[in-house]
Amino acid sequence: MEPGKFIVLEGIDGAGTTTQAKLLYQSLLKKGISVQLTAEPSTGPIGSLIRKYLKGEEKFAERHLGAHILALLFAGDRIDHLSREIFPALEQGKVVISDRYLLSSLAYQSLECELDWVSVINREAPPPDLTVLLDCPAEIALKRIEQRYLWPELFENLEVQKKVREKYLKLARQLYSDLRIVVIDASRPIEEVSREIIREVSNFLERAGLKL
């Protein structure tokens, strides 16, 4: 059996990665593609801990883990996620769609940690076959967040998101070839963005030999 393809959606908070990953998943299902949807932080034990910390849940209210510890937790969750869910699905020939992956760590954690160090602790995480980077101005993204949440998560403030957006765009140019990454304007309406993502991913899968 041919191994599957690993597709990741990336972007700052509020860019729409979760919504667009679900829409892409539903579209590929309708096309008869064997597809699996997942996300980071994962649903595993380390990922669940990260989610609680980012949301500022009560048990963590007085505990600041620090940037390096958080980066290590993300790296640990990623290795667990790969071995527990992503690699087995790829070995079964599935298309795996992940809402965030390695580029998130490189963009977010390198705000306070050395980029080289973040890369080293994630060196066991292979690059995806295709990364879809949803690019959106931080002002627009935060307005979307304010409409959804009662309380912002750890990284959800304007200055941080501006810096993360710059990191994403810089890293995308440095790390990926044009065949490995697609940058999409995510400031547009959801349906318009979704159509472009589906078109780009469908073209990629067809080039990879999958009949849609």
N, C-alpha and C. Protein backbone atom coordinates (compact mmCIF):
# COMPACT_ATOMS: atom_id res chain seq x y z
N MET A 1 0.83 -1.19 0.00
CA MET A 1 0.00 0.00 0.00
C MET A 1 0.88 1.25 0.00
N GLU A 2 0.53 2.21 -0.87
CA GLU A 2 1.26 3.47 -0.91
C GLU A 2 0.99 4.26 0.36
N PRO A 3 2.02 4.89 0.93
CA PRO A 3 1.79 5.73 2.11
C PRO A 3 0.90 6.92 1.77
N GLY A 4 0.18 7.41 2.78
CA GLY A 4 -0.71 8.54 2.56
C GLY A 4 0.06 9.85 2.48
N LYS A 5 -0.68 10.95 2.49
CA LYS A 5 -0.11 12.29 2.43
C LYS A 5 -0.49 13.07 3.69
N PHE A 6 0.47 13.86 4.15
CA PHE A 6 0.31 14.62 5.38
C PHE A 6 0.18 16.10 5.02
N ILE A 7 -0.99 16.67 5.30
CA ILE A 7 -1.30 18.05 4.96
C ILE A 7 -1.59 18.83 6.25
N VAL A 8 -0.96 19.99 6.39
CA VAL A 8 -1.09 20.77 7.62
C VAL A 8 -1.60 22.17 7.30
N LEU A 9 -2.52 22.66 8.11
CA LEU A 9 -2.98 24.03 8.01
C LEU A 9 -2.37 24.83 9.17
N GLU A 10 -1.74 25.95 8.83
CA GLU A 10 -1.06 26.78 9.83
C GLU A 10 -1.56 28.22 9.73
N GLY A 11 -1.32 28.99 10.79
CA GLY A 11 -1.68 30.40 10.79
C GLY A 11 -1.82 30.92 12.21
N ILE A 12 -1.84 32.22 12.35
CA ILE A 12 -1.97 32.80 13.68
C ILE A 12 -3.36 32.50 14.25
N ASP A 13 -3.52 32.69 15.54
CA ASP A 13 -4.82 32.48 16.18
C ASP A 13 -5.85 33.39 15.53
N GLY A 14 -6.97 32.82 15.13
CA GLY A 14 -8.01 33.59 14.47
C GLY A 14 -7.92 33.58 12.96
N ALA A 15 -6.89 32.95 12.41
CA ALA A 15 -6.76 32.88 10.94
C ALA A 15 -7.75 31.91 10.33
N GLY A 16 -8.28 30.99 11.14
CA GLY A 16 -9.29 30.07 10.64
C GLY A 16 -8.81 28.66 10.40
N THR A 17 -7.68 28.25 11.00
CA THR A 17 -7.14 26.92 10.72
C THR A 17 -8.11 25.81 11.11
N THR A 18 -8.77 25.95 12.25
CA THR A 18 -9.68 24.89 12.71
C THR A 18 -10.89 24.76 11.80
N THR A 19 -11.50 25.90 11.47
CA THR A 19 -12.66 25.90 10.57
C THR A 19 -12.30 25.34 9.21
N GLN A 20 -11.18 25.81 8.66
CA GLN A 20 -10.80 25.39 7.30
C GLN A 20 -10.34 23.94 7.25
N ALA A 21 -9.72 23.46 8.32
CA ALA A 21 -9.33 22.04 8.36
C ALA A 21 -10.57 21.15 8.30
N LYS A 22 -11.61 21.54 9.02
CA LYS A 22 -12.86 20.76 9.01
C LYS A 22 -13.52 20.79 7.63
N LEU A 23 -13.54 21.96 7.00
CA LEU A 23 -14.15 22.08 5.68
C LEU A 23 -13.37 21.27 4.64
N LEU A 24 -12.05 21.29 4.73
CA LEU A 24 -11.22 20.50 3.82
C LEU A 24 -11.47 19.01 4.03
N TYR A 25 -11.53 18.59 5.28
CA TYR A 25 -11.80 17.19 5.62
C TYR A 25 -13.13 16.74 5.01
N GLN A 26 -14.17 17.55 5.20
CA GLN A 26 -15.49 17.20 4.67
C GLN A 26 -15.49 17.12 3.14
N SER A 27 -14.74 18.03 2.51
CA SER A 27 -14.68 18.03 1.04
C SER A 27 -14.00 16.77 0.52
N LEU A 28 -12.88 16.38 1.15
CA LEU A 28 -12.16 15.19 0.69
C LEU A 28 -12.98 13.92 0.95
N LEU A 29 -13.71 13.90 2.06
CA LEU A 29 -14.59 12.75 2.33
C LEU A 29 -15.62 12.59 1.20
N LYS A 30 -16.21 13.70 0.78
CA LYS A 30 -17.22 13.66 -0.27
C LYS A 30 -16.63 13.18 -1.60
N LYS A 31 -15.33 13.42 -1.79
CA LYS A 31 -14.65 12.98 -3.01
C LYS A 31 -14.25 11.51 -2.94
N GLY A 32 -14.53 10.86 -1.80
CA GLY A 32 -14.20 9.44 -1.64
C GLY A 32 -12.78 9.18 -1.21
N ILE A 33 -12.10 10.20 -0.71
CA ILE A 33 -10.72 10.05 -0.23
C ILE A 33 -10.74 9.52 1.20
N SER A 34 -9.86 8.57 1.49
CA SER A 34 -9.68 8.09 2.87
C SER A 34 -8.88 9.15 3.62
N VAL A 35 -9.52 9.83 4.56
CA VAL A 35 -8.91 11.01 5.17
C VAL A 35 -9.14 10.99 6.68
N GLN A 36 -8.18 11.54 7.41
CA GLN A 36 -8.26 11.62 8.86
C GLN A 36 -7.94 13.05 9.30
N LEU A 37 -8.77 13.59 10.19
CA LEU A 37 -8.60 14.94 10.70
C LEU A 37 -8.05 14.91 12.11
N THR A 38 -7.04 15.72 12.37
CA THR A 38 -6.44 15.78 13.69
C THR A 38 -5.97 17.20 13.97
N ALA A 39 -5.36 17.42 15.13
CA ALA A 39 -4.96 18.78 15.50
C ALA A 39 -3.88 18.75 16.56
N GLU A 40 -3.16 19.87 16.67
CA GLU A 40 -2.21 20.07 17.77
C GLU A 40 -2.54 21.37 18.49
N PRO A 41 -2.45 21.38 19.83
CA PRO A 41 -2.12 20.27 20.70
C PRO A 41 -3.09 19.10 20.48
N SER A 42 -2.57 17.89 20.65
CA SER A 42 -3.35 16.69 20.36
C SER A 42 -4.31 16.38 21.50
N THR A 43 -5.05 15.29 21.34
CA THR A 43 -5.95 14.84 22.40
C THR A 43 -5.25 13.89 23.37
N GLY A 44 -3.95 13.67 23.17
CA GLY A 44 -3.18 12.81 24.07
C GLY A 44 -2.95 13.47 25.42
N PRO A 45 -2.27 12.77 26.33
CA PRO A 45 -2.09 13.29 27.69
C PRO A 45 -1.30 14.59 27.75
N ILE A 46 -0.26 14.72 26.94
CA ILE A 46 0.53 15.96 26.96
C ILE A 46 -0.25 17.08 26.29
N GLY A 47 -0.90 16.77 25.19
CA GLY A 47 -1.70 17.77 24.50
C GLY A 47 -2.83 18.30 25.35
N SER A 48 -3.48 17.43 26.10
CA SER A 48 -4.57 17.86 26.98
C SER A 48 -4.05 18.81 28.06
N LEU A 49 -2.87 18.51 28.57
CA LEU A 49 -2.24 19.39 29.57
C LEU A 49 -1.95 20.77 28.97
N ILE A 50 -1.42 20.79 27.75
CA ILE A 50 -1.11 22.06 27.08
C ILE A 50 -2.38 22.89 26.89
N ARG A 51 -3.45 22.24 26.45
CA ARG A 51 -4.70 22.97 26.21
C ARG A 51 -5.21 23.63 27.50
N LYS A 52 -5.14 22.91 28.59
CA LYS A 52 -5.60 23.47 29.86
C LYS A 52 -4.74 24.66 30.27
N TYR A 53 -3.43 24.55 30.05
CA TYR A 53 -2.52 25.63 30.41
C TYR A 53 -2.78 26.87 29.56
N LEU A 54 -2.96 26.68 28.25
CA LEU A 54 -3.18 27.82 27.36
C LEU A 54 -4.48 28.54 27.68
N LYS A 55 -5.46 27.78 28.15
CA LYS A 55 -6.76 28.38 28.50
C LYS A 55 -6.77 28.99 29.89
N GLY A 56 -5.66 28.81 30.63
CA GLY A 56 -5.57 29.40 31.96
C GLY A 56 -6.52 28.79 32.96
N GLU A 57 -6.72 27.47 32.85
CA GLU A 57 -7.64 26.82 33.78
C GLU A 57 -7.13 26.92 35.22
N GLU A 58 -8.03 26.82 36.15
CA GLU A 58 -7.78 27.17 37.54
C GLU A 58 -6.54 26.50 38.13
N LYS A 59 -6.33 25.23 37.88
CA LYS A 59 -5.22 24.52 38.51
C LYS A 59 -3.85 25.07 38.06
N PHE A 60 -3.84 25.81 36.91
CA PHE A 60 -2.59 26.37 36.42
C PHE A 60 -2.49 27.88 36.67
N ALA A 61 -3.49 28.45 37.32
CA ALA A 61 -3.58 29.90 37.43
C ALA A 61 -2.35 30.53 38.07
N GLU A 62 -1.74 29.83 39.04
CA GLU A 62 -0.60 30.39 39.74
C GLU A 62 0.72 29.76 39.32
N ARG A 63 0.71 29.05 38.20
CA ARG A 63 1.89 28.32 37.76
C ARG A 63 2.30 28.77 36.38
N HIS A 64 3.39 29.52 36.28
CA HIS A 64 3.91 29.94 34.98
C HIS A 64 5.02 28.97 34.58
N LEU A 65 4.78 28.21 33.52
CA LEU A 65 5.73 27.17 33.14
C LEU A 65 6.98 27.73 32.48
N GLY A 66 6.87 28.87 31.81
CA GLY A 66 8.02 29.42 31.11
C GLY A 66 8.08 28.92 29.68
N ALA A 67 8.69 29.73 28.81
CA ALA A 67 8.69 29.46 27.38
C ALA A 67 9.40 28.15 27.02
N HIS A 68 10.51 27.85 27.67
CA HIS A 68 11.28 26.65 27.32
C HIS A 68 10.54 25.37 27.71
N ILE A 69 9.91 25.39 28.88
CA ILE A 69 9.14 24.21 29.31
C ILE A 69 7.95 24.00 28.37
N LEU A 70 7.29 25.09 28.01
CA LEU A 70 6.14 24.97 27.10
C LEU A 70 6.58 24.44 25.74
N ALA A 71 7.73 24.91 25.25
CA ALA A 71 8.24 24.41 23.98
C ALA A 71 8.54 22.92 24.04
N LEU A 72 9.09 22.47 25.17
CA LEU A 72 9.36 21.03 25.34
C LEU A 72 8.07 20.22 25.40
N LEU A 73 7.05 20.79 26.03
CA LEU A 73 5.76 20.09 26.09
C LEU A 73 5.17 19.95 24.68
N PHE A 74 5.23 21.01 23.89
CA PHE A 74 4.73 20.94 22.52
C PHE A 74 5.50 19.90 21.71
N ALA A 75 6.82 19.86 21.88
CA ALA A 75 7.64 18.88 21.15
C ALA A 75 7.29 17.46 21.59
N GLY A 76 7.12 17.26 22.89
CA GLY A 76 6.75 15.93 23.39
C GLY A 76 5.39 15.50 22.88
N ASP A 77 4.44 16.42 22.89
CA ASP A 77 3.10 16.11 22.37
C ASP A 77 3.17 15.75 20.90
N ARG A 78 4.03 16.44 20.17
CA ARG A 78 4.14 16.18 18.71
C ARG A 78 4.66 14.77 18.44
N ILE A 79 5.67 14.34 19.18
CA ILE A 79 6.20 13.00 18.99
C ILE A 79 5.15 11.95 19.35
N ASP A 80 4.42 12.20 20.43
CA ASP A 80 3.33 11.30 20.82
C ASP A 80 2.25 11.28 19.74
N HIS A 81 1.89 12.43 19.24
CA HIS A 81 0.87 12.57 18.20
C HIS A 81 1.27 11.81 16.93
N LEU A 82 2.52 11.95 16.53
CA LEU A 82 3.01 11.25 15.35
C LEU A 82 2.93 9.74 15.52
N SER A 83 3.47 9.24 16.62
CA SER A 83 3.54 7.79 16.81
C SER A 83 2.16 7.17 17.07
N ARG A 84 1.30 7.92 17.74
CA ARG A 84 0.00 7.37 18.14
C ARG A 84 -1.05 7.49 17.06
N GLU A 85 -0.97 8.54 16.24
CA GLU A 85 -2.07 8.80 15.31
C GLU A 85 -1.62 9.04 13.87
N ILE A 86 -0.65 9.93 13.67
CA ILE A 86 -0.33 10.36 12.30
C ILE A 86 0.36 9.26 11.50
N PHE A 87 1.45 8.70 12.03
CA PHE A 87 2.18 7.66 11.29
C PHE A 87 1.30 6.44 10.98
N PRO A 88 0.52 5.91 11.94
CA PRO A 88 -0.35 4.77 11.61
C PRO A 88 -1.35 5.09 10.49
N ALA A 89 -1.92 6.29 10.50
CA ALA A 89 -2.88 6.67 9.46
C ALA A 89 -2.19 6.76 8.10
N LEU A 90 -0.99 7.32 8.06
CA LEU A 90 -0.25 7.43 6.80
C LEU A 90 0.13 6.05 6.27
N GLU A 91 0.49 5.15 7.18
CA GLU A 91 0.83 3.78 6.77
C GLU A 91 -0.37 3.06 6.18
N GLN A 92 -1.57 3.47 6.57
CA GLN A 92 -2.80 2.90 6.02
C GLN A 92 -3.20 3.56 4.70
N GLY A 93 -2.38 4.50 4.22
CA GLY A 93 -2.66 5.16 2.96
C GLY A 93 -3.61 6.34 3.05
N LYS A 94 -3.89 6.81 4.26
CA LYS A 94 -4.84 7.91 4.43
C LYS A 94 -4.19 9.26 4.17
N VAL A 95 -5.01 10.22 3.79
CA VAL A 95 -4.60 11.62 3.79
C VAL A 95 -4.87 12.15 5.20
N VAL A 96 -3.85 12.64 5.85
CA VAL A 96 -4.00 13.17 7.21
C VAL A 96 -3.97 14.69 7.14
N ILE A 97 -5.01 15.31 7.69
CA ILE A 97 -5.08 16.77 7.78
C ILE A 97 -4.90 17.16 9.24
N SER A 98 -3.92 18.01 9.51
CA SER A 98 -3.70 18.46 10.89
C SER A 98 -3.88 19.97 10.99
N ASP A 99 -4.67 20.36 11.97
CA ASP A 99 -4.82 21.76 12.33
C ASP A 99 -3.64 22.12 13.23
N ARG A 100 -2.58 22.64 12.62
CA ARG A 100 -1.30 23.02 13.22
C ARG A 100 -0.35 21.82 13.37
N TYR A 101 0.95 22.17 13.34
CA TYR A 101 1.99 21.15 13.46
C TYR A 101 3.31 21.88 13.74
N LEU A 102 4.37 21.45 13.12
CA LEU A 102 5.73 21.91 13.43
C LEU A 102 5.93 23.42 13.25
N LEU A 103 5.39 23.99 12.18
CA LEU A 103 5.62 25.40 11.91
C LEU A 103 5.05 26.28 13.03
N SER A 104 4.01 25.81 13.70
CA SER A 104 3.46 26.55 14.84
C SER A 104 4.49 26.70 15.95
N SER A 105 5.18 25.61 16.27
CA SER A 105 6.21 25.68 17.31
C SER A 105 7.33 26.61 16.90
N LEU A 106 7.77 26.51 15.66
CA LEU A 106 8.87 27.35 15.20
C LEU A 106 8.48 28.83 15.24
N ALA A 107 7.22 29.14 14.93
CA ALA A 107 6.78 30.53 14.91
C ALA A 107 6.51 31.06 16.31
N TYR A 108 5.78 30.30 17.11
CA TYR A 108 5.38 30.78 18.44
C TYR A 108 6.51 30.67 19.46
N GLN A 109 7.12 29.49 19.57
CA GLN A 109 8.11 29.29 20.63
C GLN A 109 9.40 30.08 20.39
N SER A 110 9.69 30.40 19.13
CA SER A 110 10.92 31.15 18.86
C SER A 110 10.79 32.63 19.21
N LEU A 111 9.62 33.05 19.68
CA LEU A 111 9.48 34.42 20.18
C LEU A 111 10.32 34.61 21.44
N GLU A 112 10.43 33.55 22.25
CA GLU A 112 11.17 33.65 23.51
C GLU A 112 12.33 32.65 23.60
N CYS A 113 12.36 31.68 22.72
CA CYS A 113 13.43 30.67 22.72
C CYS A 113 14.23 30.80 21.43
N GLU A 114 15.46 30.34 21.46
CA GLU A 114 16.27 30.34 20.25
C GLU A 114 15.65 29.42 19.19
N LEU A 115 15.53 29.92 17.97
CA LEU A 115 14.93 29.13 16.89
C LEU A 115 15.68 27.82 16.67
N ASP A 116 17.01 27.85 16.72
CA ASP A 116 17.80 26.64 16.52
C ASP A 116 17.47 25.60 17.58
N TRP A 117 17.28 26.05 18.82
CA TRP A 117 16.96 25.11 19.90
C TRP A 117 15.58 24.50 19.68
N VAL A 118 14.60 25.33 19.30
CA VAL A 118 13.26 24.81 19.02
C VAL A 118 13.32 23.79 17.89
N SER A 119 14.15 24.07 16.88
CA SER A 119 14.29 23.12 15.77
C SER A 119 14.90 21.80 16.24
N VAL A 120 15.88 21.88 17.13
CA VAL A 120 16.56 20.67 17.62
C VAL A 120 15.59 19.78 18.39
N ILE A 121 14.78 20.36 19.28
CA ILE A 121 13.89 19.52 20.10
C ILE A 121 12.74 18.95 19.26
N ASN A 122 12.58 19.47 18.04
CA ASN A 122 11.55 18.95 17.14
C ASN A 122 12.15 18.19 15.95
N ARG A 123 13.42 17.78 16.06
CA ARG A 123 14.08 17.20 14.89
C ARG A 123 13.52 15.84 14.51
N GLU A 124 12.79 15.18 15.40
CA GLU A 124 12.19 13.88 15.06
C GLU A 124 10.86 14.04 14.33
N ALA A 125 10.42 15.29 14.16
CA ALA A 125 9.14 15.53 13.48
C ALA A 125 9.40 15.85 12.01
N PRO A 126 9.06 14.95 11.10
CA PRO A 126 9.32 15.19 9.67
C PRO A 126 8.42 16.29 9.12
N PRO A 127 8.86 16.98 8.08
CA PRO A 127 8.01 18.02 7.49
C PRO A 127 6.78 17.41 6.83
N PRO A 128 5.68 18.15 6.79
CA PRO A 128 4.50 17.66 6.09
C PRO A 128 4.74 17.61 4.59
N ASP A 129 3.88 16.88 3.89
CA ASP A 129 3.95 16.87 2.42
C ASP A 129 3.49 18.19 1.85
N LEU A 130 2.52 18.82 2.52
CA LEU A 130 2.02 20.12 2.08
C LEU A 130 1.59 20.93 3.30
N THR A 131 2.02 22.19 3.35
CA THR A 131 1.57 23.12 4.38
C THR A 131 0.76 24.22 3.73
N VAL A 132 -0.44 24.45 4.25
CA VAL A 132 -1.28 25.55 3.81
C VAL A 132 -1.23 26.62 4.90
N LEU A 133 -0.56 27.73 4.60
CA LEU A 133 -0.41 28.81 5.57
C LEU A 133 -1.50 29.84 5.33
N LEU A 134 -2.39 29.99 6.31
CA LEU A 134 -3.47 30.97 6.23
C LEU A 134 -2.95 32.29 6.78
N ASP A 135 -2.71 33.23 5.89
CA ASP A 135 -2.14 34.51 6.28
C ASP A 135 -3.24 35.54 6.49
N CYS A 136 -3.20 36.18 7.67
CA CYS A 136 -4.26 37.11 8.02
C CYS A 136 -3.70 38.21 8.91
N PRO A 137 -4.02 39.47 8.68
CA PRO A 137 -3.57 40.52 9.58
C PRO A 137 -4.03 40.26 11.01
N ALA A 138 -3.17 40.55 11.97
CA ALA A 138 -3.47 40.26 13.36
C ALA A 138 -4.73 40.98 13.84
N GLU A 139 -4.96 42.19 13.34
CA GLU A 139 -6.14 42.95 13.77
C GLU A 139 -7.44 42.22 13.41
N ILE A 140 -7.48 41.68 12.20
CA ILE A 140 -8.67 40.95 11.76
C ILE A 140 -8.83 39.66 12.56
N ALA A 141 -7.71 38.95 12.75
CA ALA A 141 -7.75 37.67 13.48
C ALA A 141 -8.25 37.87 14.91
N LEU A 142 -7.79 38.91 15.58
CA LEU A 142 -8.19 39.12 16.97
C LEU A 142 -9.66 39.54 17.08
N LYS A 143 -10.16 40.25 16.10
CA LYS A 143 -11.59 40.58 16.10
C LYS A 143 -12.43 39.30 16.04
N ARG A 144 -11.97 38.36 15.24
CA ARG A 144 -12.67 37.07 15.15
C ARG A 144 -12.64 36.35 16.50
N ILE A 145 -11.48 36.37 17.15
CA ILE A 145 -11.33 35.71 18.45
C ILE A 145 -12.26 36.33 19.48
N GLU A 146 -12.35 37.65 19.48
CA GLU A 146 -13.20 38.35 20.45
C GLU A 146 -14.66 37.97 20.28
N GLN A 147 -15.04 37.61 19.07
CA GLN A 147 -16.43 37.21 18.82
C GLN A 147 -16.72 35.79 19.30
N ARG A 148 -15.66 35.00 19.53
CA ARG A 148 -15.83 33.59 19.88
C ARG A 148 -15.61 33.30 21.35
N TYR A 149 -14.67 33.97 21.97
CA TYR A 149 -14.24 33.59 23.31
C TYR A 149 -14.60 34.63 24.36
N LEU A 150 -14.81 34.16 25.58
CA LEU A 150 -15.01 35.06 26.71
C LEU A 150 -13.68 35.55 27.26
N TRP A 151 -12.64 34.74 27.09
CA TRP A 151 -11.33 35.07 27.64
C TRP A 151 -10.25 34.61 26.68
N PRO A 152 -9.28 35.49 26.36
CA PRO A 152 -8.25 35.11 25.39
C PRO A 152 -7.27 34.08 25.94
N GLU A 153 -6.73 33.24 25.05
CA GLU A 153 -5.71 32.29 25.46
C GLU A 153 -4.36 32.99 25.56
N LEU A 154 -3.33 32.23 25.94
CA LEU A 154 -2.03 32.78 26.31
C LEU A 154 -1.42 33.71 25.27
N PHE A 155 -1.46 33.32 24.01
CA PHE A 155 -0.75 34.08 22.97
C PHE A 155 -1.66 35.07 22.24
N GLU A 156 -2.91 35.19 22.69
CA GLU A 156 -3.89 35.95 21.91
C GLU A 156 -3.91 37.43 22.30
N ASN A 157 -2.86 38.16 21.90
CA ASN A 157 -2.88 39.62 21.99
C ASN A 157 -2.24 40.18 20.75
N LEU A 158 -2.52 41.44 20.45
CA LEU A 158 -2.18 42.01 19.16
C LEU A 158 -0.69 41.98 18.85
N GLU A 159 0.13 42.43 19.79
CA GLU A 159 1.56 42.52 19.52
C GLU A 159 2.18 41.14 19.29
N VAL A 160 1.76 40.17 20.10
CA VAL A 160 2.28 38.80 19.93
C VAL A 160 1.88 38.26 18.56
N GLN A 161 0.62 38.44 18.20
CA GLN A 161 0.15 37.89 16.93
C GLN A 161 0.80 38.57 15.72
N LYS A 162 1.10 39.85 15.83
CA LYS A 162 1.83 40.52 14.74
C LYS A 162 3.20 39.89 14.56
N LYS A 163 3.89 39.64 15.67
CA LYS A 163 5.22 39.03 15.61
C LYS A 163 5.15 37.61 15.07
N VAL A 164 4.13 36.86 15.49
CA VAL A 164 3.99 35.48 15.03
C VAL A 164 3.70 35.44 13.53
N ARG A 165 2.87 36.36 13.06
CA ARG A 165 2.58 36.42 11.62
C ARG A 165 3.86 36.64 10.83
N GLU A 166 4.70 37.58 11.29
CA GLU A 166 5.98 37.83 10.62
C GLU A 166 6.86 36.59 10.63
N LYS A 167 6.87 35.88 11.77
CA LYS A 167 7.67 34.65 11.87
C LYS A 167 7.17 33.61 10.87
N TYR A 168 5.86 33.42 10.82
CA TYR A 168 5.28 32.44 9.90
C TYR A 168 5.73 32.71 8.46
N LEU A 169 5.59 33.94 8.02
CA LEU A 169 5.91 34.28 6.63
C LEU A 169 7.40 34.12 6.36
N LYS A 170 8.23 34.53 7.29
CA LYS A 170 9.68 34.40 7.12
C LYS A 170 10.10 32.93 7.08
N LEU A 171 9.58 32.13 8.02
CA LEU A 171 9.93 30.71 8.08
C LEU A 171 9.42 29.96 6.85
N ALA A 172 8.23 30.34 6.38
CA ALA A 172 7.67 29.68 5.19
C ALA A 172 8.61 29.84 4.00
N ARG A 173 9.15 31.05 3.85
CA ARG A 173 10.08 31.31 2.73
C ARG A 173 11.40 30.55 2.91
N GLN A 174 11.84 30.43 4.15
CA GLN A 174 13.13 29.81 4.42
C GLN A 174 13.10 28.28 4.35
N LEU A 175 12.01 27.69 4.83
CA LEU A 175 12.00 26.24 5.07
C LEU A 175 11.35 25.41 3.98
N TYR A 176 10.44 26.02 3.20
CA TYR A 176 9.65 25.21 2.28
C TYR A 176 9.79 25.69 0.85
N SER A 177 9.80 24.75 -0.07
CA SER A 177 9.78 25.10 -1.49
C SER A 177 8.34 25.41 -1.88
N ASP A 178 8.17 25.93 -3.09
CA ASP A 178 6.84 26.27 -3.58
C ASP A 178 5.94 25.04 -3.68
N LEU A 179 6.54 23.87 -3.81
CA LEU A 179 5.75 22.65 -3.90
C LEU A 179 5.33 22.14 -2.53
N ARG A 180 5.94 22.66 -1.47
CA ARG A 180 5.67 22.20 -0.10
C ARG A 180 4.74 23.12 0.67
N ILE A 181 4.56 24.36 0.18
CA ILE A 181 3.75 25.31 0.94
C ILE A 181 2.91 26.18 0.01
N VAL A 182 1.71 26.49 0.48
CA VAL A 182 0.81 27.41 -0.21
C VAL A 182 0.40 28.46 0.80
N VAL A 183 0.58 29.73 0.46
CA VAL A 183 0.17 30.83 1.33
C VAL A 183 -1.13 31.41 0.78
N ILE A 184 -2.15 31.45 1.64
CA ILE A 184 -3.49 31.86 1.21
C ILE A 184 -3.96 33.04 2.05
N ASP A 185 -4.56 34.02 1.40
CA ASP A 185 -5.12 35.19 2.08
C ASP A 185 -6.36 34.75 2.86
N ALA A 186 -6.23 34.70 4.20
CA ALA A 186 -7.32 34.21 5.03
C ALA A 186 -8.17 35.33 5.61
N SER A 187 -7.97 36.57 5.14
CA SER A 187 -8.79 37.68 5.63
C SER A 187 -10.14 37.74 4.92
N ARG A 188 -10.31 36.92 3.88
CA ARG A 188 -11.54 36.91 3.09
C ARG A 188 -12.63 36.06 3.75
N PRO A 189 -13.84 36.06 3.21
CA PRO A 189 -14.92 35.23 3.77
C PRO A 189 -14.55 33.75 3.80
N ILE A 190 -15.10 33.03 4.76
CA ILE A 190 -14.78 31.62 4.99
C ILE A 190 -14.94 30.78 3.72
N GLU A 191 -16.05 30.99 3.02
CA GLU A 191 -16.35 30.16 1.84
C GLU A 191 -15.33 30.38 0.73
N GLU A 192 -14.92 31.63 0.56
CA GLU A 192 -13.94 31.96 -0.47
C GLU A 192 -12.58 31.34 -0.16
N VAL A 193 -12.17 31.43 1.10
CA VAL A 193 -10.90 30.83 1.52
C VAL A 193 -10.97 29.32 1.36
N SER A 194 -12.08 28.73 1.75
CA SER A 194 -12.24 27.27 1.66
C SER A 194 -12.12 26.78 0.23
N ARG A 195 -12.73 27.49 -0.71
CA ARG A 195 -12.65 27.08 -2.11
C ARG A 195 -11.21 27.07 -2.61
N GLU A 196 -10.43 28.08 -2.20
CA GLU A 196 -9.04 28.12 -2.66
C GLU A 196 -8.22 27.00 -2.04
N ILE A 197 -8.45 26.74 -0.75
CA ILE A 197 -7.73 25.64 -0.08
C ILE A 197 -8.03 24.31 -0.75
N ILE A 198 -9.31 24.05 -0.98
CA ILE A 198 -9.72 22.79 -1.59
C ILE A 198 -9.12 22.65 -2.98
N ARG A 199 -9.09 23.73 -3.73
CA ARG A 199 -8.50 23.70 -5.09
C ARG A 199 -7.01 23.38 -5.00
N GLU A 200 -6.29 24.05 -4.11
CA GLU A 200 -4.84 23.84 -4.00
C GLU A 200 -4.53 22.42 -3.52
N VAL A 201 -5.27 21.94 -2.54
CA VAL A 201 -5.02 20.59 -2.02
C VAL A 201 -5.39 19.54 -3.06
N SER A 202 -6.48 19.75 -3.78
CA SER A 202 -6.88 18.80 -4.83
C SER A 202 -5.81 18.73 -5.92
N ASN A 203 -5.27 19.88 -6.29
CA ASN A 203 -4.19 19.89 -7.30
C ASN A 203 -2.97 19.14 -6.78
N PHE A 204 -2.64 19.35 -5.52
CA PHE A 204 -1.49 18.65 -4.92
C PHE A 204 -1.71 17.14 -4.93
N LEU A 205 -2.88 16.70 -4.52
CA LEU A 205 -3.16 15.26 -4.45
C LEU A 205 -3.18 14.63 -5.85
N GLU A 206 -3.66 15.37 -6.82
CA GLU A 206 -3.66 14.86 -8.19
C GLU A 206 -2.23 14.72 -8.71
N ARG A 207 -1.37 15.70 -8.37
CA ARG A 207 0.05 15.59 -8.77
C ARG A 207 0.70 14.39 -8.09
N ALA A 208 0.21 14.05 -6.90
CA ALA A 208 0.77 12.92 -6.14
C ALA A 208 0.20 11.58 -6.62
N GLY A 209 -0.73 11.63 -7.58
CA GLY A 209 -1.25 10.40 -8.16
C GLY A 209 -2.57 9.93 -7.63
N LEU A 210 -3.25 10.73 -6.77
CA LEU A 210 -4.55 10.34 -6.27
C LEU A 210 -5.63 10.82 -7.23
N LYS A 211 -6.55 9.95 -7.57
CA LYS A 211 -7.66 10.30 -8.47
C LYS A 211 -8.81 10.86 -7.64
N LEU A 212 -9.25 12.06 -7.96
CA LEU A 212 -10.33 12.71 -7.23
C LEU A 212 -11.62 12.72 -8.05
